């Protein structure tokens, strides 16, 4: 398992994830990012326009970017997690 950090980024600001999450591979990272975005959309639906330029940027323990996905990316809507 590796620890990855899921930061909220908009180009000007960063809301860092200081805890991180242990995952087995990048496919699990992607599933976690998509699930986090879905939950965020449900909780912040009224403020969606304010967050349209934000993304979740996933980094490894050394700060290398493993993945980046926008909060408004359409692909999140079509992604189905296994077992859901």
Protein backbone atom coordinates (compact mmCIF):
# COMPACT_ATOMS: atom_id res chain seq x y z
CA UNK A 1 0.00 0.00 0.00
CA UNK A 2 1.03 3.56 -0.67
CA UNK A 3 -0.19 6.76 0.94
CA UNK A 4 -1.66 9.41 -1.34
CA UNK A 5 -2.87 12.91 -0.48
CA UNK A 6 -6.02 14.43 -1.99
CA UNK A 7 -5.59 18.22 -2.19
CA UNK A 8 -8.21 20.71 -3.38
CA UNK A 9 -6.55 23.08 -5.85
CA UNK A 10 -7.78 25.93 -8.07
CA UNK A 11 -4.56 27.43 -9.44
CA UNK A 12 -4.41 30.16 -6.79
CA UNK A 13 -5.29 28.33 -3.61
CA UNK A 14 -4.57 24.91 -2.17
CA UNK A 15 -6.52 23.22 0.57
CA UNK A 16 -4.05 20.51 1.55
CA UNK A 17 -4.86 17.01 2.70
CA UNK A 18 -2.51 16.51 5.62
CA UNK A 19 -3.74 13.01 6.49
CA UNK A 20 -3.78 11.13 3.20
CA UNK A 21 -5.15 7.71 2.48
CA UNK A 22 -3.46 4.34 2.04
CA UNK A 23 -4.47 2.69 -1.22
CA UNK A 24 -3.37 -0.38 -3.13
CA UNK A 25 -3.07 1.09 -6.65
CA UNK A 26 -3.95 4.01 -8.93
CA UNK A 27 -7.29 2.45 -9.86
CA UNK A 28 -8.31 2.66 -6.20
CA UNK A 29 -7.00 6.25 -6.10
CA UNK A 30 -9.23 7.10 -9.07
CA UNK A 31 -12.26 5.46 -7.44
CA UNK A 32 -11.64 7.40 -4.21
CA UNK A 33 -11.31 10.70 -6.08
CA UNK A 34 -14.51 10.13 -8.01
CA UNK A 35 -16.41 9.13 -4.88
CA UNK A 36 -15.10 12.22 -3.05
CA UNK A 37 -16.22 14.47 -5.92
CA UNK A 38 -19.67 12.87 -5.98
CA UNK A 39 -20.07 13.38 -2.23
CA UNK A 40 -18.82 16.96 -2.53
CA UNK A 41 -21.34 17.68 -5.30
CA UNK A 42 -24.18 16.36 -3.16
CA UNK A 43 -23.13 18.36 -0.09
CA UNK A 44 -22.29 21.58 -1.97
CA UNK A 45 -24.84 21.53 -4.79
CA UNK A 46 -26.00 25.08 -4.06
CA UNK A 47 -22.43 26.40 -4.32
CA UNK A 48 -21.38 24.37 -7.39
CA UNK A 49 -20.62 27.46 -9.50
CA UNK A 50 -18.13 28.70 -6.90
CA UNK A 51 -16.18 25.43 -7.10
CA UNK A 52 -16.24 24.91 -10.90
CA UNK A 53 -12.51 25.74 -11.35
CA UNK A 54 -11.37 23.53 -8.46
CA UNK A 55 -9.90 20.07 -8.81
CA UNK A 56 -8.65 17.27 -6.60
CA UNK A 57 -4.95 16.83 -7.14
CA UNK A 58 -3.60 13.54 -5.81
CA UNK A 59 0.04 13.43 -4.79
CA UNK A 60 2.30 10.74 -3.46
CA UNK A 61 4.36 11.10 -0.27
CA UNK A 62 7.08 13.00 -2.18
CA UNK A 63 4.69 15.50 -3.75
CA UNK A 64 4.60 13.92 -7.21
CA UNK A 65 1.23 14.34 -8.91
CA UNK A 66 -0.39 10.97 -9.52
CA UNK A 67 -3.75 12.25 -10.77
CA UNK A 68 -5.85 15.38 -11.11
CA UNK A 69 -9.59 15.52 -11.67
CA UNK A 70 -11.83 18.60 -11.76
CA UNK A 71 -14.83 18.91 -9.48
CA UNK A 72 -16.94 19.65 -12.56
CA UNK A 73 -15.52 16.92 -14.82
CA UNK A 74 -18.29 15.14 -16.67
CA UNK A 75 -16.56 11.76 -16.45
CA UNK A 76 -17.34 11.62 -12.73
CA UNK A 77 -21.04 11.33 -13.48
CA UNK A 78 -20.60 8.24 -15.62
CA UNK A 79 -18.20 6.34 -13.38
CA UNK A 80 -19.65 3.41 -11.48
CA UNK A 81 -17.73 1.89 -8.58
CA UNK A 82 -17.62 -1.87 -8.39
CA UNK A 83 -20.40 -3.13 -6.19
CA UNK A 84 -22.38 0.13 -6.32
